[in-house]
C-alpha cells in the first residue's frame, strides 16, 4: 500500500506500508492511498484529542493495534455505544507512541514557536536555522533560552531523542530512527541518550526504548 501525504511542517511525503503496519494520521492532513487488489484497509475514526505529535506516525508493527483493528473488523459496531469502547481502546494504544521521554516546555513566544515547528531545525546548523527565520544566531539562542529555559542545542537534543524513540517503538530500527532525526547512525543516538539518562551502552544495547522508559520510573 502506498500513501502520499502533504501537511504543514513536513511537505510531500511518500510511505510504503507493509502488511500489518499502520499509519496514525492527524486530522486535516491531505493524503491519497493506492492499494493492491488483495489488500484490506481499515480506517477507524479516533477521538478528536488523539492526534499524532508530528502530523503522522508510521507504525511498522504493533501487536496491540493489530488485535484491536481485527476486533473492530470482526465486531462491525453499528452504534456509538458499540463503537466507543473500541475507539477508546485504540486511542489508548496510540497514545503510548506519543510519550515524550525527555520533557520539553511548550513555547510561548511566537518566534520560538516558529523555530521549534520548523522541520529543518533538526538537521541544519543553528546559523542556518537563524537565517531561515531572519534572525541572528545570538538572538535565536537568547529567545529560546528565555522562553524554554534551555539552550537551542539542549532543546534540539531532546527533540531528536523523543522523535527517534517514538519511531523505534513504532518498529523502526535504531539506525534508521537515528538517521531520520539527524544522527549519522545508531552510535550517535545511543551516546546522546546515555548522556541524558546516565545509562551505559550495555544497558541500552537491547531494548533501547524500553530501557529509557524504565529509567523514567526509577
C-alpha atoms as a PDB file:
ATOM      1  CA  UNK A   1       0.000   0.000   0.000  1.00  0.00           C
ATOM      2  CA  UNK A   2       1.382   3.404  -0.997  1.00  0.00           C
ATOM      3  CA  UNK A   3       0.384   6.580   0.813  1.00  0.00           C
ATOM      4  CA  UNK A   4       1.150  10.142  -0.247  1.00  0.00           C
ATOM      5  CA  UNK A   5       0.848  12.828   2.423  1.00  0.00           C
ATOM      6  CA  UNK A   6       1.047  16.591   2.423  1.00  0.00           C
ATOM      7  CA  UNK A   7       0.986  18.548   5.632  1.00  0.00           C
ATOM      8  CA  UNK A   8       2.259  21.672   7.280  1.00  0.00           C
ATOM      9  CA  UNK A   9       5.738  21.058   8.629  1.00  0.00           C
ATOM     10  CA  UNK A  10       6.679  18.031   6.517  1.00  0.00           C
ATOM     11  CA  UNK A  11       5.651  18.849   2.931  1.00  0.00           C
ATOM     12  CA  UNK A  12       5.145  15.988   0.486  1.00  0.00           C
ATOM     13  CA  UNK A  13       5.860  12.558   1.972  1.00  0.00           C
ATOM     14  CA  UNK A  14       5.566   9.098   0.431  1.00  0.00           C
ATOM     15  CA  UNK A  15       5.172   5.990   2.582  1.00  0.00           C
ATOM     16  CA  UNK A  16       5.044   2.327   1.636  1.00  0.00           C
ATOM     17  CA  UNK A  17       3.016   0.398   4.198  1.00  0.00           C
ATOM     18  CA  UNK A  18       3.835  -3.281   4.546  1.00  0.00           C
ATOM     19  CA  UNK A  19       1.442  -5.980   5.693  1.00  0.00           C
ATOM     20  CA  UNK A  20       0.062  -5.364   9.217  1.00  0.00           C
ATOM     21  CA  UNK A  21       1.638  -1.907   9.502  1.00  0.00           C
ATOM     22  CA  UNK A  22      -0.407   1.141  10.487  1.00  0.00           C
ATOM     23  CA  UNK A  23      -0.481   4.837   9.754  1.00  0.00           C
ATOM     24  CA  UNK A  24      -1.611   7.164  12.538  1.00  0.00           C
ATOM     25  CA  UNK A  25      -2.808  10.162  10.569  1.00  0.00           C
ATOM     26  CA  UNK A  26      -3.732  13.514  12.059  1.00  0.00           C
ATOM     27  CA  UNK A  27      -6.861  15.406  11.127  1.00  0.00           C
ATOM     28  CA  UNK A  28      -6.584  17.834   8.233  1.00  0.00           C
ATOM     29  CA  UNK A  29      -3.659  16.040   6.553  1.00  0.00           C
ATOM     30  CA  UNK A  30      -4.105  15.764   2.787  1.00  0.00           C
ATOM     31  CA  UNK A  31      -3.483  12.208   1.676  1.00  0.00           C
ATOM     32  CA  UNK A  32      -4.078   9.689  -1.078  1.00  0.00           C
ATOM     33  CA  UNK A  33      -3.845   5.907  -0.877  1.00  0.00           C
ATOM     34  CA  UNK A  34      -3.096   3.309  -3.546  1.00  0.00           C
ATOM     35  CA  UNK A  35      -3.847  -0.288  -2.579  1.00  0.00           C
ATOM     36  CA  UNK A  36      -3.285  -3.620  -4.236  1.00  0.00           C
ATOM     37  CA  UNK A  37      -6.246  -5.759  -5.226  1.00  0.00           C
ATOM     38  CA  UNK A  38      -5.631  -8.225  -2.381  1.00  0.00           C
ATOM     39  CA  UNK A  39      -5.256  -5.561   0.312  1.00  0.00           C
ATOM     40  CA  UNK A  40      -7.587  -4.774   3.188  1.00  0.00           C
ATOM     41  CA  UNK A  41      -7.509  -1.263   4.604  1.00  0.00           C
ATOM     42  CA  UNK A  42      -9.250  -0.406   7.857  1.00  0.00           C
ATOM     43  CA  UNK A  43      -9.609   3.258   8.822  1.00  0.00           C
ATOM     44  CA  UNK A  44     -11.390   3.617  12.170  1.00  0.00           C
ATOM     45  CA  UNK A  45     -12.202   7.114  13.423  1.00  0.00           C
ATOM     46  CA  UNK A  46     -10.285   8.245  16.502  1.00  0.00           C
ATOM     47  CA  UNK A  47     -11.291  10.615  19.284  1.00  0.00           C
ATOM     48  CA  UNK A  48     -10.672  14.306  18.433  1.00  0.00           C
ATOM     49  CA  UNK A  49      -7.903  14.635  21.012  1.00  0.00           C
ATOM     50  CA  UNK A  50      -5.980  11.603  19.715  1.00  0.00           C
ATOM     51  CA  UNK A  51      -3.557  13.341  17.374  1.00  0.00           C
ATOM     52  CA  UNK A  52      -0.039  12.213  16.404  1.00  0.00           C
ATOM     53  CA  UNK A  53       2.643  14.630  17.655  1.00  0.00           C
ATOM     54  CA  UNK A  54       4.139  15.341  14.220  1.00  0.00           C
ATOM     55  CA  UNK A  55       1.068  15.104  11.992  1.00  0.00           C
ATOM     56  CA  UNK A  56       1.522  11.397  11.257  1.00  0.00           C
ATOM     57  CA  UNK A  57       3.324   8.348  12.554  1.00  0.00           C
ATOM     58  CA  UNK A  58       4.115   5.245  10.521  1.00  0.00           C
ATOM     59  CA  UNK A  59       3.791   2.309  12.925  1.00  0.00           C
ATOM     60  CA  UNK A  60       5.581  -0.574  11.295  1.00  0.00           C
ATOM     61  CA  UNK A  61       4.389  -3.186  13.759  1.00  0.00           C
ATOM     62  CA  UNK A  62       2.217  -3.295  16.863  1.00  0.00           C
ATOM     63  CA  UNK A  63       0.521  -6.458  18.035  1.00  0.00           C
ATOM     64  CA  UNK A  64      -1.891  -4.474  20.227  1.00  0.00           C
ATOM     65  CA  UNK A  65      -3.030  -2.205  17.374  1.00  0.00           C
ATOM     66  CA  UNK A  66      -3.350  -5.176  15.025  1.00  0.00           C
ATOM     67  CA  UNK A  67      -5.524  -7.097  17.504  1.00  0.00           C
ATOM     68  CA  UNK A  68      -7.689  -4.044  18.221  1.00  0.00           C
ATOM     69  CA  UNK A  69      -8.150  -3.426  14.490  1.00  0.00           C
ATOM     70  CA  UNK A  70      -9.132  -7.057  13.900  1.00  0.00           C
ATOM     71  CA  UNK A  71     -11.621  -6.833  16.779  1.00  0.00           C
ATOM     72  CA  UNK A  72     -13.179  -3.733  15.195  1.00  0.00           C
ATOM     73  CA  UNK A  73     -13.364  -5.506  11.840  1.00  0.00           C
ATOM     74  CA  UNK A  74     -14.868  -8.670  13.308  1.00  0.00           C
ATOM     75  CA  UNK A  75     -17.422  -6.963  15.559  1.00  0.00           C
ATOM     76  CA  UNK A  76     -18.628  -4.422  12.943  1.00  0.00           C
ATOM     77  CA  UNK A  77     -20.081  -1.999  15.526  1.00  0.00           C
ATOM     78  CA  UNK A  78     -23.318  -0.370  14.390  1.00  0.00           C
ATOM     79  CA  UNK A  79     -23.927   2.221  17.108  1.00  0.00           C
ATOM     80  CA  UNK A  80     -21.972   4.823  19.039  1.00  0.00           C
ATOM     81  CA  UNK A  81     -22.384   2.745  22.203  1.00  0.00           C
ATOM     82  CA  UNK A  82     -20.696  -0.191  20.436  1.00  0.00           C
ATOM     83  CA  UNK A  83     -18.035   1.941  18.777  1.00  0.00           C
ATOM     84  CA  UNK A  84     -16.977   3.957  21.835  1.00  0.00           C
ATOM     85  CA  UNK A  85     -15.128   1.224  23.812  1.00  0.00           C
ATOM     86  CA  UNK A  86     -13.300   0.081  20.677  1.00  0.00           C
ATOM     87  CA  UNK A  87     -12.337   3.659  19.828  1.00  0.00           C
ATOM     88  CA  UNK A  88     -11.110   4.261  23.369  1.00  0.00           C
ATOM     89  CA  UNK A  89      -9.035   1.068  23.255  1.00  0.00           C
ATOM     90  CA  UNK A  90      -7.406   2.191  20.013  1.00  0.00           C
ATOM     91  CA  UNK A  91      -6.880   5.703  21.414  1.00  0.00           C
ATOM     92  CA  UNK A  92      -5.120   4.207  24.417  1.00  0.00           C
ATOM     93  CA  UNK A  93      -2.741   2.135  22.307  1.00  0.00           C
ATOM     94  CA  UNK A  94      -1.838   5.046  20.058  1.00  0.00           C
ATOM     95  CA  UNK A  95      -1.207   7.471  22.909  1.00  0.00           C
ATOM     96  CA  UNK A  96       1.661   5.260  24.104  1.00  0.00           C
ATOM     97  CA  UNK A  97       3.513   6.164  20.913  1.00  0.00           C
ATOM     98  CA  UNK A  98       3.227   9.905  21.657  1.00  0.00           C
ATOM     99  CA  UNK A  99       5.023   9.916  25.010  1.00  0.00           C
ATOM    100  CA  UNK A 100       7.959  12.306  25.399  1.00  0.00           C
ATOM    101  CA  UNK A 101      10.760  10.526  27.226  1.00  0.00           C
ATOM    102  CA  UNK A 102      12.538  13.837  27.735  1.00  0.00           C
ATOM    103  CA  UNK A 103      10.097  16.641  28.650  1.00  0.00           C
ATOM    104  CA  UNK A 104      10.231  19.884  26.662  1.00  0.00           C
ATOM    105  CA  UNK A 105       8.297  23.026  27.707  1.00  0.00           C
ATOM    106  CA  UNK A 106       5.692  24.380  25.293  1.00  0.00           C
ATOM    107  CA  UNK A 107       6.949  27.613  23.667  1.00  0.00           C
ATOM    108  CA  UNK A 108       5.028  30.806  24.385  1.00  0.00           C
ATOM    109  CA  UNK A 109       6.999  33.282  22.261  1.00  0.00           C
ATOM    110  CA  UNK A 110       5.666  33.425  18.689  1.00  0.00           C
ATOM    111  CA  UNK A 111       9.144  33.450  17.135  1.00  0.00           C
ATOM    112  CA  UNK A 112      10.196  30.461  19.242  1.00  0.00           C
ATOM    113  CA  UNK A 113       7.051  28.610  18.172  1.00  0.00           C
ATOM    114  CA  UNK A 114       8.004  29.179  14.530  1.00  0.00           C
ATOM    115  CA  UNK A 115      11.547  27.937  15.128  1.00  0.00           C
ATOM    116  CA  UNK A 116      10.629  24.777  17.029  1.00  0.00           C
ATOM    117  CA  UNK A 117       7.969  23.902  14.415  1.00  0.00           C
ATOM    118  CA  UNK A 118      10.446  24.247  11.548  1.00  0.00           C
ATOM    119  CA  UNK A 119      11.229  20.672  10.382  1.00  0.00           C
ATOM    120  CA  UNK A 120      14.695  21.749   9.236  1.00  0.00           C
ATOM    121  CA  UNK A 121      15.810  22.629  12.756  1.00  0.00           C
ATOM    122  CA  UNK A 122      16.810  19.011  13.445  1.00  0.00           C
ATOM    123  CA  UNK A 123      19.209  18.663  10.549  1.00  0.00           C
ATOM    124  CA  UNK A 124      20.791  22.066   9.836  1.00  0.00           C
ATOM    125  CA  UNK A 125      23.210  24.121  11.996  1.00  0.00           C
ATOM    126  CA  UNK A 126      21.903  26.832  14.302  1.00  0.00           C
ATOM    127  CA  UNK A 127      23.305  29.517  11.992  1.00  0.00           C
ATOM    128  CA  UNK A 128      21.132  28.148   9.166  1.00  0.00           C
ATOM    129  CA  UNK A 129      18.082  27.994  11.460  1.00  0.00           C
ATOM    130  CA  UNK A 130      18.629  31.661  12.357  1.00  0.00           C
ATOM    131  CA  UNK A 131      18.960  32.649   8.695  1.00  0.00           C
ATOM    132  CA  UNK A 132      15.741  30.800   7.816  1.00  0.00           C
ATOM    133  CA  UNK A 133      13.910  32.968  10.347  1.00  0.00           C
ATOM    134  CA  UNK A 134      15.743  36.231   9.535  1.00  0.00           C
ATOM    135  CA  UNK A 135      17.450  36.430  12.925  1.00  0.00           C
ATOM    136  CA  UNK A 136      20.968  36.389  14.246  1.00  0.00           C
ATOM    137  CA  UNK A 137      22.309  33.246  15.879  1.00  0.00           C
ATOM    138  CA  UNK A 138      22.730  35.115  19.162  1.00  0.00           C
ATOM    139  CA  UNK A 139      19.113  36.338  19.099  1.00  0.00           C
ATOM    140  CA  UNK A 140      17.775  32.834  18.468  1.00  0.00           C
ATOM    141  CA  UNK A 141      19.843  31.480  21.324  1.00  0.00           C
ATOM    142  CA  UNK A 142      18.592  34.213  23.661  1.00  0.00           C
ATOM    143  CA  UNK A 143      14.856  33.950  22.931  1.00  0.00           C
ATOM    144  CA  UNK A 144      14.896  30.146  23.154  1.00  0.00           C
ATOM    145  CA  UNK A 145      16.761  30.256  26.457  1.00  0.00           C
ATOM    146  CA  UNK A 146      14.348  32.888  27.824  1.00  0.00           C
ATOM    147  CA  UNK A 147      11.220  31.045  26.636  1.00  0.00           C
ATOM    148  CA  UNK A 148      12.115  27.382  27.187  1.00  0.00           C
ATOM    149  CA  UNK A 149      14.687  27.633  29.958  1.00  0.00           C
ATOM    150  CA  UNK A 150      17.244  25.671  27.943  1.00  0.00           C
ATOM    151  CA  UNK A 151      19.679  26.259  25.111  1.00  0.00           C
ATOM    152  CA  UNK A 152      18.863  25.557  21.475  1.00  0.00           C
ATOM    153  CA  UNK A 153      21.304  22.620  21.480  1.00  0.00           C
ATOM    154  CA  UNK A 154      19.721  21.178  24.629  1.00  0.00           C
ATOM    155  CA  UNK A 155      16.231  21.609  23.160  1.00  0.00           C
ATOM    156  CA  UNK A 156      17.227  20.051  19.839  1.00  0.00           C
ATOM    157  CA  UNK A 157      18.846  17.051  21.519  1.00  0.00           C
ATOM    158  CA  UNK A 158      15.689  16.336  23.490  1.00  0.00           C
ATOM    159  CA  UNK A 159      13.520  16.820  20.413  1.00  0.00           C
ATOM    160  CA  UNK A 160      15.682  14.457  18.369  1.00  0.00           C
ATOM    161  CA  UNK A 161      15.677  11.785  21.057  1.00  0.00           C
ATOM    162  CA  UNK A 162      11.919  11.965  21.611  1.00  0.00           C
ATOM    163  CA  UNK A 163      11.234  11.573  17.884  1.00  0.00           C
ATOM    164  CA  UNK A 164      13.763   8.756  17.476  1.00  0.00           C
ATOM    165  CA  UNK A 165      12.383   6.810  20.441  1.00  0.00           C
ATOM    166  CA  UNK A 166       8.810   7.154  19.140  1.00  0.00           C
ATOM    167  CA  UNK A 167       9.909   5.724  15.809  1.00  0.00           C
ATOM    168  CA  UNK A 168      11.796   2.880  17.460  1.00  0.00           C
ATOM    169  CA  UNK A 169       8.637   1.964  19.396  1.00  0.00           C
ATOM    170  CA  UNK A 170       6.763   2.100  16.080  1.00  0.00           C
ATOM    171  CA  UNK A 171       9.057  -0.564  14.617  1.00  0.00           C
ATOM    172  CA  UNK A 172      11.917   1.388  13.034  1.00  0.00           C
ATOM    173  CA  UNK A 173      15.436   0.080  13.523  1.00  0.00           C
ATOM    174  CA  UNK A 174      17.665   2.084  15.856  1.00  0.00           C
ATOM    175  CA  UNK A 175      19.882   3.088  12.935  1.00  0.00           C
ATOM    176  CA  UNK A 176      17.033   4.272  10.707  1.00  0.00           C
ATOM    177  CA  UNK A 177      15.386   6.173  13.580  1.00  0.00           C
ATOM    178  CA  UNK A 178      18.715   7.833  14.367  1.00  0.00           C
ATOM    179  CA  UNK A 179      19.270   8.921  10.766  1.00  0.00           C
ATOM    180  CA  UNK A 180      15.716  10.257  10.478  1.00  0.00           C
ATOM    181  CA  UNK A 181      16.398  12.860  13.184  1.00  0.00           C
ATOM    182  CA  UNK A 182      19.853  13.950  12.063  1.00  0.00           C
ATOM    183  CA  UNK A 183      22.318  11.489  13.576  1.00  0.00           C
ATOM    184  CA  UNK A 184      24.737   9.646  11.304  1.00  0.00           C
ATOM    185  CA  UNK A 185      23.801   6.319  12.840  1.00  0.00           C
ATOM    186  CA  UNK A 186      22.886   4.427  15.975  1.00  0.00           C
ATOM    187  CA  UNK A 187      26.120   5.261  17.836  1.00  0.00           C
ATOM    188  CA  UNK A 188      25.359   8.984  17.937  1.00  0.00           C
ATOM    189  CA  UNK A 189      21.815   8.350  19.159  1.00  0.00           C
ATOM    190  CA  UNK A 190      22.944   5.937  21.875  1.00  0.00           C
ATOM    191  CA  UNK A 191      25.671   8.316  23.082  1.00  0.00           C
ATOM    192  CA  UNK A 192      23.152  11.190  23.347  1.00  0.00           C
ATOM    193  CA  UNK A 193      20.682   9.023  25.282  1.00  0.00           C
ATOM    194  CA  UNK A 194      23.447   7.791  27.563  1.00  0.00           C
ATOM    195  CA  UNK A 195      24.472  11.348  28.433  1.00  0.00           C
ATOM    196  CA  UNK A 196      20.931  12.320  29.429  1.00  0.00           C
ATOM    197  CA  UNK A 197      19.921   9.127  31.232  1.00  0.00           C
ATOM    198  CA  UNK A 198      23.340   8.027  32.594  1.00  0.00           C
ATOM    199  CA  UNK A 199      22.550   4.550  31.293  1.00  0.00           C
ATOM    200  CA  UNK A 200      25.530   2.612  29.987  1.00  0.00           C
ATOM    201  CA  UNK A 201      25.865   1.387  26.411  1.00  0.00           C
ATOM    202  CA  UNK A 202      25.385  -2.134  27.737  1.00  0.00           C
ATOM    203  CA  UNK A 203      22.080  -1.147  29.361  1.00  0.00           C
ATOM    204  CA  UNK A 204      20.940   0.444  26.083  1.00  0.00           C
ATOM    205  CA  UNK A 205      22.150  -2.347  23.813  1.00  0.00           C
ATOM    206  CA  UNK A 206      18.977  -4.450  23.961  1.00  0.00           C
ATOM    207  CA  UNK A 207      15.545  -2.852  24.099  1.00  0.00           C
ATOM    208  CA  UNK A 208      16.649   0.771  23.727  1.00  0.00           C
ATOM    209  CA  UNK A 209      13.213   2.388  24.034  1.00  0.00           C
ATOM    210  CA  UNK A 210      12.255   0.074  26.877  1.00  0.00           C
ATOM    211  CA  UNK A 211      15.431   0.867  28.813  1.00  0.00           C
ATOM    212  CA  UNK A 212      14.769   4.599  28.507  1.00  0.00           C
ATOM    213  CA  UNK A 213      11.134   4.182  29.582  1.00  0.00           C
ATOM    214  CA  UNK A 214      12.229   2.127  32.598  1.00  0.00           C
ATOM    215  CA  UNK A 215      14.754   4.794  33.581  1.00  0.00           C
ATOM    216  CA  UNK A 216      11.916   7.340  33.898  1.00  0.00           C
ATOM    217  CA  UNK A 217      10.301   5.331  36.685  1.00  0.00           C
ATOM    218  CA  UNK A 218      13.421   4.886  38.809  1.00  0.00           C
END
